[in-house]
């Protein structure tokens, strides 16, 4: 069988090498907005693309020139951009490995509302678009007896997130460090500027999971670092509650391609934090445990024999840099 031509975006990411390695059985072309993207050194061919209104036309031109069979987006913004011209790609026989209902993913409140309507548990949340609404919202969620989370509804990757506490200090919620603010401090930040729609959300406590979904294949990875960024590794855990709610999400979204959801297992059960319209970068690390989910997606899409699938439950995967520190 002729080798498939796969285009991968965001090849400047920290996981780019592992993603490209996961697709070693195919001709991999990569793109990034940084001409010095590290992944360019491991590809059959690399293109530096520009952001903005010409992005889609440039991507379509590259795909046609390289006879691309499938595009695997690495960033949410690229999914949303490509969705606006998806018919042109499909008409050219180019498969976009992304959900057809990508509009659901563009804002957290839209996705939360959709999941809530199907009785899938999400955190308690309130949408606000004016600073004075913040006071009422945080009190409804129990501030100041307990902290609450404030995040930009359309924010990505832990950006635009604050933890509101009565006595503010730096915390490790969200990315490697996310600022804590008091309500008064936050109001002072928001009032002088035009405010985007924001989610006021309960502060969840418990174990956090990255869940990779590819059709009926569900891989549940408990985070070693609960906040997820930076990636410090996962334990592949067969958790029935996490698997059950992940199946409900897949039944509702019906996305045939590889994507990622973030879940917190609280004392009240699992709650969906995020649903991402593309694969988690860290899923590529699973290849070291014998489960190549990127390869599996390509095989399933094109009807290639996928062989026996075994999920390495009980195994732990950690980045090489951390392994060196442990050693």
C-alpha atoms as a PDB file:
ATOM      1  CA  UNK A   1       0.000   0.000   0.000  1.00  0.00           C
ATOM      2  CA  UNK A   2       1.213   3.492  -0.861  1.00  0.00           C
ATOM      3  CA  UNK A   3       2.464   5.417   2.176  1.00  0.00           C
ATOM      4  CA  UNK A   4       0.037   8.089   3.304  1.00  0.00           C
ATOM      5  CA  UNK A   5       1.095  11.727   3.344  1.00  0.00           C
ATOM      6  CA  UNK A   6       0.312  13.288   6.723  1.00  0.00           C
ATOM      7  CA  UNK A   7       0.586  16.995   7.520  1.00  0.00           C
ATOM      8  CA  UNK A   8       1.156  17.908  11.177  1.00  0.00           C
ATOM      9  CA  UNK A   9       0.903  21.464  12.484  1.00  0.00           C
ATOM     10  CA  UNK A  10       2.666  23.053  15.478  1.00  0.00           C
ATOM     11  CA  UNK A  11       5.921  21.191  14.938  1.00  0.00           C
ATOM     12  CA  UNK A  12       7.661  23.708  17.163  1.00  0.00           C
ATOM     13  CA  UNK A  13       6.034  22.259  20.285  1.00  0.00           C
ATOM     14  CA  UNK A  14       7.970  20.450  23.000  1.00  0.00           C
ATOM     15  CA  UNK A  15       6.317  17.155  21.993  1.00  0.00           C
ATOM     16  CA  UNK A  16       6.878  17.597  18.242  1.00  0.00           C
ATOM     17  CA  UNK A  17       9.633  14.987  18.004  1.00  0.00           C
ATOM     18  CA  UNK A  18       7.508  12.318  19.710  1.00  0.00           C
ATOM     19  CA  UNK A  19       4.502  13.105  17.487  1.00  0.00           C
ATOM     20  CA  UNK A  20       6.601  12.876  14.325  1.00  0.00           C
ATOM     21  CA  UNK A  21       8.187   9.660  15.585  1.00  0.00           C
ATOM     22  CA  UNK A  22       4.714   8.230  16.221  1.00  0.00           C
ATOM     23  CA  UNK A  23       3.974   8.720  12.516  1.00  0.00           C
ATOM     24  CA  UNK A  24       7.157   7.066  11.251  1.00  0.00           C
ATOM     25  CA  UNK A  25       5.204   4.747   8.936  1.00  0.00           C
ATOM     26  CA  UNK A  26       4.005   7.730   6.881  1.00  0.00           C
ATOM     27  CA  UNK A  27       5.438  10.624   4.905  1.00  0.00           C
ATOM     28  CA  UNK A  28       5.212  13.472   7.429  1.00  0.00           C
ATOM     29  CA  UNK A  29       5.166  17.088   6.333  1.00  0.00           C
ATOM     30  CA  UNK A  30       5.119  19.699   9.085  1.00  0.00           C
ATOM     31  CA  UNK A  31       4.177  23.345   9.423  1.00  0.00           C
ATOM     32  CA  UNK A  32       4.733  25.961  12.092  1.00  0.00           C
ATOM     33  CA  UNK A  33       4.638  29.736  12.400  1.00  0.00           C
ATOM     34  CA  UNK A  34       8.231  29.717  13.652  1.00  0.00           C
ATOM     35  CA  UNK A  35      10.764  29.195  10.890  1.00  0.00           C
ATOM     36  CA  UNK A  36      13.147  27.748  13.501  1.00  0.00           C
ATOM     37  CA  UNK A  37      10.644  25.195  14.834  1.00  0.00           C
ATOM     38  CA  UNK A  38      12.555  22.282  16.345  1.00  0.00           C
ATOM     39  CA  UNK A  39      10.444  19.692  14.557  1.00  0.00           C
ATOM     40  CA  UNK A  40      11.630  20.814  11.118  1.00  0.00           C
ATOM     41  CA  UNK A  41      14.781  18.715  11.553  1.00  0.00           C
ATOM     42  CA  UNK A  42      12.826  15.419  11.707  1.00  0.00           C
ATOM     43  CA  UNK A  43      10.422  15.911   8.810  1.00  0.00           C
ATOM     44  CA  UNK A  44      10.337  14.929   5.179  1.00  0.00           C
ATOM     45  CA  UNK A  45       9.497  18.563   4.453  1.00  0.00           C
ATOM     46  CA  UNK A  46       8.797  21.706   6.475  1.00  0.00           C
ATOM     47  CA  UNK A  47       6.851  24.883   5.737  1.00  0.00           C
ATOM     48  CA  UNK A  48       6.736  28.076   7.754  1.00  0.00           C
ATOM     49  CA  UNK A  49       3.170  29.412   7.601  1.00  0.00           C
ATOM     50  CA  UNK A  50       1.858  32.850   8.477  1.00  0.00           C
ATOM     51  CA  UNK A  51      -1.002  33.558  10.873  1.00  0.00           C
ATOM     52  CA  UNK A  52      -4.011  35.575   9.828  1.00  0.00           C
ATOM     53  CA  UNK A  53      -6.425  35.637   6.912  1.00  0.00           C
ATOM     54  CA  UNK A  54      -4.047  33.923   4.456  1.00  0.00           C
ATOM     55  CA  UNK A  55      -3.481  30.905   6.714  1.00  0.00           C
ATOM     56  CA  UNK A  56      -6.230  28.723   5.237  1.00  0.00           C
ATOM     57  CA  UNK A  57      -5.321  29.416   1.608  1.00  0.00           C
ATOM     58  CA  UNK A  58      -1.657  28.749   2.361  1.00  0.00           C
ATOM     59  CA  UNK A  59      -2.506  25.483   4.115  1.00  0.00           C
ATOM     60  CA  UNK A  60      -4.746  24.353   1.264  1.00  0.00           C
ATOM     61  CA  UNK A  61      -2.020  25.166  -1.259  1.00  0.00           C
ATOM     62  CA  UNK A  62       0.580  23.171   0.706  1.00  0.00           C
ATOM     63  CA  UNK A  63      -1.780  20.215   1.067  1.00  0.00           C
ATOM     64  CA  UNK A  64      -2.505  20.107  -2.646  1.00  0.00           C
ATOM     65  CA  UNK A  65       1.167  20.519  -3.576  1.00  0.00           C
ATOM     66  CA  UNK A  66       2.285  17.742  -1.233  1.00  0.00           C
ATOM     67  CA  UNK A  67      -0.708  15.497  -2.023  1.00  0.00           C
ATOM     68  CA  UNK A  68      -1.650  15.379   1.652  1.00  0.00           C
ATOM     69  CA  UNK A  69      -4.080  12.661   2.721  1.00  0.00           C
ATOM     70  CA  UNK A  70      -4.695  13.872   6.290  1.00  0.00           C
ATOM     71  CA  UNK A  71      -4.097  17.026   8.329  1.00  0.00           C
ATOM     72  CA  UNK A  72      -3.595  16.644  12.096  1.00  0.00           C
ATOM     73  CA  UNK A  73      -3.992  20.051  13.800  1.00  0.00           C
ATOM     74  CA  UNK A  74      -1.973  20.680  16.948  1.00  0.00           C
ATOM     75  CA  UNK A  75      -3.701  23.837  18.200  1.00  0.00           C
ATOM     76  CA  UNK A  76      -7.318  24.788  18.851  1.00  0.00           C
ATOM     77  CA  UNK A  77      -6.990  28.030  16.904  1.00  0.00           C
ATOM     78  CA  UNK A  78      -5.957  26.094  13.808  1.00  0.00           C
ATOM     79  CA  UNK A  79      -8.990  23.833  14.141  1.00  0.00           C
ATOM     80  CA  UNK A  80     -11.267  26.871  14.219  1.00  0.00           C
ATOM     81  CA  UNK A  81      -9.494  28.483  11.278  1.00  0.00           C
ATOM     82  CA  UNK A  82      -9.559  25.343   9.136  1.00  0.00           C
ATOM     83  CA  UNK A  83     -13.225  24.729   9.977  1.00  0.00           C
ATOM     84  CA  UNK A  84     -14.191  27.863   8.048  1.00  0.00           C
ATOM     85  CA  UNK A  85     -12.783  26.312   4.847  1.00  0.00           C
ATOM     86  CA  UNK A  86     -13.208  22.637   5.613  1.00  0.00           C
ATOM     87  CA  UNK A  87     -15.363  22.016   2.509  1.00  0.00           C
ATOM     88  CA  UNK A  88     -12.449  23.059   0.251  1.00  0.00           C
ATOM     89  CA  UNK A  89     -10.138  20.504   1.901  1.00  0.00           C
ATOM     90  CA  UNK A  90     -12.674  17.697   1.775  1.00  0.00           C
ATOM     91  CA  UNK A  91     -13.456  18.507  -1.874  1.00  0.00           C
ATOM     92  CA  UNK A  92      -9.749  18.027  -2.614  1.00  0.00           C
ATOM     93  CA  UNK A  93      -9.785  14.643  -0.853  1.00  0.00           C
ATOM     94  CA  UNK A  94      -7.893  15.944   2.183  1.00  0.00           C
ATOM     95  CA  UNK A  95      -9.119  14.658   5.541  1.00  0.00           C
ATOM     96  CA  UNK A  96      -9.083  17.120   8.424  1.00  0.00           C
ATOM     97  CA  UNK A  97      -8.669  15.120  11.650  1.00  0.00           C
ATOM     98  CA  UNK A  98     -10.953  17.394  13.646  1.00  0.00           C
ATOM     99  CA  UNK A  99     -14.597  17.506  14.743  1.00  0.00           C
ATOM    100  CA  UNK A 100     -17.234  18.691  12.289  1.00  0.00           C
ATOM    101  CA  UNK A 101     -19.016  20.542  15.119  1.00  0.00           C
ATOM    102  CA  UNK A 102     -15.946  22.582  16.040  1.00  0.00           C
ATOM    103  CA  UNK A 103     -18.089  25.603  16.998  1.00  0.00           C
ATOM    104  CA  UNK A 104     -18.872  23.811  20.280  1.00  0.00           C
ATOM    105  CA  UNK A 105     -15.223  24.028  21.311  1.00  0.00           C
ATOM    106  CA  UNK A 106     -14.664  27.727  20.687  1.00  0.00           C
ATOM    107  CA  UNK A 107     -15.908  28.907  24.080  1.00  0.00           C
ATOM    108  CA  UNK A 108     -16.075  27.045  27.374  1.00  0.00           C
ATOM    109  CA  UNK A 109     -19.588  28.228  28.170  1.00  0.00           C
ATOM    110  CA  UNK A 110     -20.923  26.819  24.876  1.00  0.00           C
ATOM    111  CA  UNK A 111     -19.340  23.424  25.539  1.00  0.00           C
ATOM    112  CA  UNK A 112     -20.380  23.397  29.210  1.00  0.00           C
ATOM    113  CA  UNK A 113     -23.956  24.236  28.243  1.00  0.00           C
ATOM    114  CA  UNK A 114     -23.951  21.460  25.642  1.00  0.00           C
ATOM    115  CA  UNK A 115     -22.617  18.876  28.090  1.00  0.00           C
ATOM    116  CA  UNK A 116     -24.991  20.045  30.844  1.00  0.00           C
ATOM    117  CA  UNK A 117     -27.940  19.555  28.486  1.00  0.00           C
ATOM    118  CA  UNK A 118     -26.918  15.888  28.156  1.00  0.00           C
ATOM    119  CA  UNK A 119     -26.548  15.382  31.929  1.00  0.00           C
ATOM    120  CA  UNK A 120     -22.749  15.224  31.794  1.00  0.00           C
ATOM    121  CA  UNK A 121     -21.254  16.724  34.940  1.00  0.00           C
ATOM    122  CA  UNK A 122     -19.260  19.928  34.634  1.00  0.00           C
ATOM    123  CA  UNK A 123     -18.072  22.271  37.403  1.00  0.00           C
ATOM    124  CA  UNK A 124     -20.585  24.764  38.784  1.00  0.00           C
ATOM    125  CA  UNK A 125     -20.121  27.776  36.520  1.00  0.00           C
ATOM    126  CA  UNK A 126     -21.515  31.219  35.746  1.00  0.00           C
ATOM    127  CA  UNK A 127     -20.912  33.281  32.599  1.00  0.00           C
ATOM    128  CA  UNK A 128     -20.265  36.999  33.070  1.00  0.00           C
ATOM    129  CA  UNK A 129     -19.386  39.797  30.661  1.00  0.00           C
ATOM    130  CA  UNK A 130     -19.305  42.818  32.969  1.00  0.00           C
ATOM    131  CA  UNK A 131     -17.046  43.400  35.960  1.00  0.00           C
ATOM    132  CA  UNK A 132     -19.892  44.221  38.412  1.00  0.00           C
ATOM    133  CA  UNK A 133     -21.374  40.745  37.761  1.00  0.00           C
ATOM    134  CA  UNK A 134     -18.267  39.183  39.301  1.00  0.00           C
ATOM    135  CA  UNK A 135     -19.264  40.093  42.876  1.00  0.00           C
ATOM    136  CA  UNK A 136     -22.614  38.310  42.674  1.00  0.00           C
ATOM    137  CA  UNK A 137     -21.152  35.305  40.857  1.00  0.00           C
ATOM    138  CA  UNK A 138     -18.320  34.596  43.292  1.00  0.00           C
ATOM    139  CA  UNK A 139     -20.640  34.881  46.306  1.00  0.00           C
ATOM    140  CA  UNK A 140     -23.008  32.392  44.693  1.00  0.00           C
ATOM    141  CA  UNK A 141     -20.088  29.955  44.428  1.00  0.00           C
ATOM    142  CA  UNK A 142     -19.057  30.362  48.078  1.00  0.00           C
ATOM    143  CA  UNK A 143     -16.389  33.068  48.023  1.00  0.00           C
ATOM    144  CA  UNK A 144     -14.723  34.023  50.380  1.00  0.00           C
ATOM    145  CA  UNK A 145     -15.114  30.867  52.466  1.00  0.00           C
ATOM    146  CA  UNK A 146     -13.580  28.967  49.583  1.00  0.00           C
ATOM    147  CA  UNK A 147     -11.669  30.003  46.479  1.00  0.00           C
ATOM    148  CA  UNK A 148     -13.217  30.253  43.023  1.00  0.00           C
ATOM    149  CA  UNK A 149     -11.709  30.175  39.546  1.00  0.00           C
ATOM    150  CA  UNK A 150     -12.042  32.939  36.974  1.00  0.00           C
ATOM    151  CA  UNK A 151     -11.106  32.192  33.384  1.00  0.00           C
ATOM    152  CA  UNK A 152     -11.568  33.769  29.968  1.00  0.00           C
ATOM    153  CA  UNK A 153     -14.331  31.805  28.243  1.00  0.00           C
ATOM    154  CA  UNK A 154     -12.373  31.551  25.002  1.00  0.00           C
ATOM    155  CA  UNK A 155      -8.978  31.112  26.699  1.00  0.00           C
ATOM    156  CA  UNK A 156      -6.653  28.252  25.769  1.00  0.00           C
ATOM    157  CA  UNK A 157      -3.896  26.250  27.411  1.00  0.00           C
ATOM    158  CA  UNK A 158      -4.265  27.663  30.922  1.00  0.00           C
ATOM    159  CA  UNK A 159      -3.943  31.270  29.769  1.00  0.00           C
ATOM    160  CA  UNK A 160      -6.341  33.843  31.197  1.00  0.00           C
ATOM    161  CA  UNK A 161      -6.947  31.967  34.456  1.00  0.00           C
ATOM    162  CA  UNK A 162      -6.973  33.323  38.011  1.00  0.00           C
ATOM    163  CA  UNK A 163      -7.717  31.798  41.367  1.00  0.00           C
ATOM    164  CA  UNK A 164      -9.675  34.178  43.597  1.00  0.00           C
ATOM    165  CA  UNK A 165      -8.913  33.747  47.285  1.00  0.00           C
ATOM    166  CA  UNK A 166      -9.478  35.837  50.374  1.00  0.00           C
ATOM    167  CA  UNK A 167      -5.734  35.987  51.083  1.00  0.00           C
ATOM    168  CA  UNK A 168      -4.037  36.091  47.696  1.00  0.00           C
ATOM    169  CA  UNK A 169      -0.674  34.518  46.937  1.00  0.00           C
ATOM    170  CA  UNK A 170       1.001  32.786  44.019  1.00  0.00           C
ATOM    171  CA  UNK A 171      -0.342  29.303  43.366  1.00  0.00           C
ATOM    172  CA  UNK A 172       0.324  26.390  41.067  1.00  0.00           C
ATOM    173  CA  UNK A 173      -3.182  26.193  39.637  1.00  0.00           C
ATOM    174  CA  UNK A 174      -3.398  26.013  35.833  1.00  0.00           C
ATOM    175  CA  UNK A 175       0.031  26.463  34.252  1.00  0.00           C
ATOM    176  CA  UNK A 176       3.316  26.211  36.145  1.00  0.00           C
ATOM    177  CA  UNK A 177       2.226  29.294  38.080  1.00  0.00           C
ATOM    178  CA  UNK A 178      -1.092  31.126  37.958  1.00  0.00           C
ATOM    179  CA  UNK A 179      -1.668  34.253  40.015  1.00  0.00           C
ATOM    180  CA  UNK A 180      -4.051  34.328  42.912  1.00  0.00           C
ATOM    181  CA  UNK A 181      -6.024  37.506  43.443  1.00  0.00           C
ATOM    182  CA  UNK A 182      -8.487  38.785  45.982  1.00  0.00           C
ATOM    183  CA  UNK A 183     -11.874  39.865  44.689  1.00  0.00           C
ATOM    184  CA  UNK A 184     -10.947  43.537  45.189  1.00  0.00           C
ATOM    185  CA  UNK A 185      -7.713  43.130  43.231  1.00  0.00           C
ATOM    186  CA  UNK A 186      -9.534  41.382  40.393  1.00  0.00           C
ATOM    187  CA  UNK A 187     -12.190  44.077  40.172  1.00  0.00           C
ATOM    188  CA  UNK A 188      -9.459  46.704  39.938  1.00  0.00           C
ATOM    189  CA  UNK A 189      -7.915  44.790  37.038  1.00  0.00           C
ATOM    190  CA  UNK A 190     -11.167  44.313  35.136  1.00  0.00           C
ATOM    191  CA  UNK A 191     -12.870  47.674  35.544  1.00  0.00           C
ATOM    192  CA  UNK A 192     -10.533  49.920  33.501  1.00  0.00           C
ATOM    193  CA  UNK A 193     -10.653  47.719  30.417  1.00  0.00           C
ATOM    194  CA  UNK A 194     -13.222  46.182  28.134  1.00  0.00           C
ATOM    195  CA  UNK A 195     -13.943  42.747  29.529  1.00  0.00           C
ATOM    196  CA  UNK A 196     -14.262  39.582  27.421  1.00  0.00           C
ATOM    197  CA  UNK A 197     -16.850  36.942  28.393  1.00  0.00           C
ATOM    198  CA  UNK A 198     -15.518  35.070  31.418  1.00  0.00           C
ATOM    199  CA  UNK A 199     -16.378  31.926  33.354  1.00  0.00           C
ATOM    200  CA  UNK A 200     -16.622  32.047  37.125  1.00  0.00           C
ATOM    201  CA  UNK A 201     -16.208  28.454  38.253  1.00  0.00           C
ATOM    202  CA  UNK A 202     -15.986  26.428  41.433  1.00  0.00           C
ATOM    203  CA  UNK A 203     -12.475  25.444  42.479  1.00  0.00           C
ATOM    204  CA  UNK A 204     -12.222  21.683  41.960  1.00  0.00           C
ATOM    205  CA  UNK A 205     -10.126  19.466  44.194  1.00  0.00           C
ATOM    206  CA  UNK A 206      -9.212  15.872  43.503  1.00  0.00           C
ATOM    207  CA  UNK A 207      -7.221  13.815  41.000  1.00  0.00           C
ATOM    208  CA  UNK A 208      -6.822  15.209  37.487  1.00  0.00           C
ATOM    209  CA  UNK A 209      -6.848  13.125  34.314  1.00  0.00           C
ATOM    210  CA  UNK A 210      -5.962  13.553  30.662  1.00  0.00           C
ATOM    211  CA  UNK A 211      -8.240  11.325  28.617  1.00  0.00           C
ATOM    212  CA  UNK A 212      -7.476  10.444  25.004  1.00  0.00           C
ATOM    213  CA  UNK A 213     -10.501   9.406  22.959  1.00  0.00           C
ATOM    214  CA  UNK A 214     -10.376   7.718  19.574  1.00  0.00           C
ATOM    215  CA  UNK A 215     -13.775   6.235  18.852  1.00  0.00           C
ATOM    216  CA  UNK A 216     -14.258   3.396  21.329  1.00  0.00           C
ATOM    217  CA  UNK A 217     -10.624   3.463  22.419  1.00  0.00           C
ATOM    218  CA  UNK A 218     -10.306   5.456  25.645  1.00  0.00           C
ATOM    219  CA  UNK A 219      -6.993   5.966  27.437  1.00  0.00           C
ATOM    220  CA  UNK A 220      -7.206   7.448  30.951  1.00  0.00           C
ATOM    221  CA  UNK A 221      -3.989   9.070  32.171  1.00  0.00           C
ATOM    222  CA  UNK A 222      -3.780  10.303  35.765  1.00  0.00           C
ATOM    223  CA  UNK A 223      -1.516  13.341  35.983  1.00  0.00           C
ATOM    224  CA  UNK A 224       1.604  13.195  38.101  1.00  0.00           C
ATOM    225  CA  UNK A 225       1.511  16.989  38.036  1.00  0.00           C
ATOM    226  CA  UNK A 226      -2.179  17.766  38.776  1.00  0.00           C
ATOM    227  CA  UNK A 227      -2.110  21.091  36.938  1.00  0.00           C
ATOM    228  CA  UNK A 228      -0.885  19.451  33.710  1.00  0.00           C
ATOM    229  CA  UNK A 229       1.519  22.175  32.559  1.00  0.00           C
ATOM    230  CA  UNK A 230       4.386  21.587  32.372  1.00  0.00           C
ATOM    231  CA  UNK A 231       3.888  17.919  31.477  1.00  0.00           C
ATOM    232  CA  UNK A 232       5.555  15.779  34.142  1.00  0.00           C
ATOM    233  CA  UNK A 233       4.080  12.439  33.215  1.00  0.00           C
ATOM    234  CA  UNK A 234       1.059  10.196  33.695  1.00  0.00           C
ATOM    235  CA  UNK A 235       0.009   6.946  35.284  1.00  0.00           C
ATOM    236  CA  UNK A 236      -2.169   4.940  32.879  1.00  0.00           C
ATOM    237  CA  UNK A 237      -5.011   4.131  35.248  1.00  0.00           C
ATOM    238  CA  UNK A 238      -8.091   2.006  34.553  1.00  0.00           C
ATOM    239  CA  UNK A 239     -10.589   4.157  36.424  1.00  0.00           C
ATOM    240  CA  UNK A 240     -14.197   3.070  35.823  1.00  0.00           C
ATOM    241  CA  UNK A 241     -15.726   6.459  36.703  1.00  0.00           C
ATOM    242  CA  UNK A 242     -13.421   8.331  34.350  1.00  0.00           C
ATOM    243  CA  UNK A 243     -13.993   5.820  31.551  1.00  0.00           C
ATOM    244  CA  UNK A 244     -17.776   5.969  32.008  1.00  0.00           C
ATOM    245  CA  UNK A 245     -18.029   9.768  31.754  1.00  0.00           C
ATOM    246  CA  UNK A 246     -15.588   9.780  28.825  1.00  0.00           C
ATOM    247  CA  UNK A 247     -17.865   7.357  26.950  1.00  0.00           C
ATOM    248  CA  UNK A 248     -20.796   9.705  27.573  1.00  0.00           C
ATOM    249  CA  UNK A 249     -18.816  12.630  26.152  1.00  0.00           C
ATOM    250  CA  UNK A 250     -17.904  10.647  23.038  1.00  0.00           C
ATOM    251  CA  UNK A 251     -21.519   9.533  22.560  1.00  0.00           C
ATOM    252  CA  UNK A 252     -22.611  13.181  22.612  1.00  0.00           C
ATOM    253  CA  UNK A 253     -19.813  14.670  20.475  1.00  0.00           C
ATOM    254  CA  UNK A 254     -19.334  11.700  18.124  1.00  0.00           C
ATOM    255  CA  UNK A 255     -15.881  12.840  17.026  1.00  0.00           C
ATOM    256  CA  UNK A 256     -14.231  10.027  15.008  1.00  0.00           C
ATOM    257  CA  UNK A 257     -10.720  11.479  15.364  1.00  0.00           C
ATOM    258  CA  UNK A 258      -8.272  11.600  18.243  1.00  0.00           C
ATOM    259  CA  UNK A 259      -9.038  14.283  20.819  1.00  0.00           C
ATOM    260  CA  UNK A 260      -8.456  15.082  24.469  1.00  0.00           C
ATOM    261  CA  UNK A 261     -10.578  15.887  27.500  1.00  0.00           C
ATOM    262  CA  UNK A 262      -9.500  16.998  30.983  1.00  0.00           C
ATOM    263  CA  UNK A 263     -11.362  15.608  33.979  1.00  0.00           C
ATOM    264  CA  UNK A 264     -11.196  16.141  37.739  1.00  0.00           C
ATOM    265  CA  UNK A 265     -12.284  13.227  39.917  1.00  0.00           C
ATOM    266  CA  UNK A 266     -13.844  14.976  42.916  1.00  0.00           C
ATOM    267  CA  UNK A 267     -15.535  13.509  45.993  1.00  0.00           C
ATOM    268  CA  UNK A 268     -18.809  14.116  44.113  1.00  0.00           C
ATOM    269  CA  UNK A 269     -17.620  12.167  41.096  1.00  0.00           C
ATOM    270  CA  UNK A 270     -15.854  13.122  37.841  1.00  0.00           C
ATOM    271  CA  UNK A 271     -16.400  16.544  36.275  1.00  0.00           C
ATOM    272  CA  UNK A 272     -15.380  17.693  32.805  1.00  0.00           C
ATOM    273  CA  UNK A 273     -12.941  20.623  32.862  1.00  0.00           C
ATOM    274  CA  UNK A 274     -11.986  20.931  29.196  1.00  0.00           C
ATOM    275  CA  UNK A 275     -12.811  19.327  25.864  1.00  0.00           C
ATOM    276  CA  UNK A 276     -10.160  19.969  23.231  1.00  0.00           C
ATOM    277  CA  UNK A 277     -10.844  19.535  19.491  1.00  0.00           C
ATOM    278  CA  UNK A 278      -7.422  17.998  18.784  1.00  0.00           C
ATOM    279  CA  UNK A 279      -5.023  15.496  20.343  1.00  0.00           C
ATOM    280  CA  UNK A 280      -3.175  16.260  23.541  1.00  0.00           C
ATOM    281  CA  UNK A 281       0.493  16.754  22.720  1.00  0.00           C
ATOM    282  CA  UNK A 282       1.471  14.485  25.582  1.00  0.00           C
ATOM    283  CA  UNK A 283      -0.418  11.487  24.141  1.00  0.00           C
ATOM    284  CA  UNK A 284       2.588  10.891  21.877  1.00  0.00           C
ATOM    285  CA  UNK A 285       4.530   9.812  24.968  1.00  0.00           C
ATOM    286  CA  UNK A 286       2.307   6.722  25.063  1.00  0.00           C
ATOM    287  CA  UNK A 287       4.298   5.336  22.136  1.00  0.00           C
ATOM    288  CA  UNK A 288       7.094   4.471  24.565  1.00  0.00           C
ATOM    289  CA  UNK A 289       4.652   2.114  26.308  1.00  0.00           C
ATOM    290  CA  UNK A 290       3.679   0.366  23.084  1.00  0.00           C
ATOM    291  CA  UNK A 291       0.437   2.244  22.364  1.00  0.00           C
ATOM    292  CA  UNK A 292       0.768   4.499  19.317  1.00  0.00           C
ATOM    293  CA  UNK A 293      -2.551   6.360  19.212  1.00  0.00           C
ATOM    294  CA  UNK A 294      -1.529   8.681  16.351  1.00  0.00           C
ATOM    295  CA  UNK A 295      -0.724   5.655  14.177  1.00  0.00           C
ATOM    296  CA  UNK A 296      -3.955   4.019  15.276  1.00  0.00           C
ATOM    297  CA  UNK A 297      -5.978   7.063  14.151  1.00  0.00           C
ATOM    298  CA  UNK A 298      -4.431   7.015  10.682  1.00  0.00           C
ATOM    299  CA  UNK A 299      -4.996   3.268  10.319  1.00  0.00           C
ATOM    300  CA  UNK A 300      -8.633   3.473  11.366  1.00  0.00           C
ATOM    301  CA  UNK A 301      -9.308   6.416   9.084  1.00  0.00           C
ATOM    302  CA  UNK A 302      -7.934   4.678   6.004  1.00  0.00           C
ATOM    303  CA  UNK A 303      -9.003   1.117   6.821  1.00  0.00           C
ATOM    304  CA  UNK A 304      -5.485  -0.182   7.429  1.00  0.00           C
ATOM    305  CA  UNK A 305      -5.172  -3.267   9.630  1.00  0.00           C
ATOM    306  CA  UNK A 306      -4.547  -1.932  13.131  1.00  0.00           C
ATOM    307  CA  UNK A 307      -3.600  -5.235  14.736  1.00  0.00           C
ATOM    308  CA  UNK A 308      -4.175  -5.970  18.413  1.00  0.00           C
ATOM    309  CA  UNK A 309      -4.670  -2.943  20.673  1.00  0.00           C
ATOM    310  CA  UNK A 310      -3.433  -3.161  24.251  1.00  0.00           C
ATOM    311  CA  UNK A 311      -3.743  -0.261  26.698  1.00  0.00           C
ATOM    312  CA  UNK A 312      -0.817  -0.358  29.172  1.00  0.00           C
ATOM    313  CA  UNK A 313      -2.841   0.118  32.356  1.00  0.00           C
ATOM    314  CA  UNK A 314      -0.698   0.424  35.476  1.00  0.00           C
ATOM    315  CA  UNK A 315       2.280   1.780  33.563  1.00  0.00           C
ATOM    316  CA  UNK A 316       3.841   5.204  34.125  1.00  0.00           C
ATOM    317  CA  UNK A 317       5.256   7.515  31.491  1.00  0.00           C
ATOM    318  CA  UNK A 318       7.472  10.508  32.316  1.00  0.00           C
ATOM    319  CA  UNK A 319       9.419  12.951  30.129  1.00  0.00           C
ATOM    320  CA  UNK A 320      13.055  12.144  29.426  1.00  0.00           C
ATOM    321  CA  UNK A 321      14.207  15.318  31.204  1.00  0.00           C
ATOM    322  CA  UNK A 322      12.526  14.227  34.438  1.00  0.00           C
ATOM    323  CA  UNK A 323      13.929  10.692  34.071  1.00  0.00           C
ATOM    324  CA  UNK A 324      17.399  12.239  33.968  1.00  0.00           C
ATOM    325  CA  UNK A 325      16.676  14.166  37.169  1.00  0.00           C
ATOM    326  CA  UNK A 326      15.476  11.010  38.931  1.00  0.00           C
ATOM    327  CA  UNK A 327      18.502   9.088  37.755  1.00  0.00           C
END
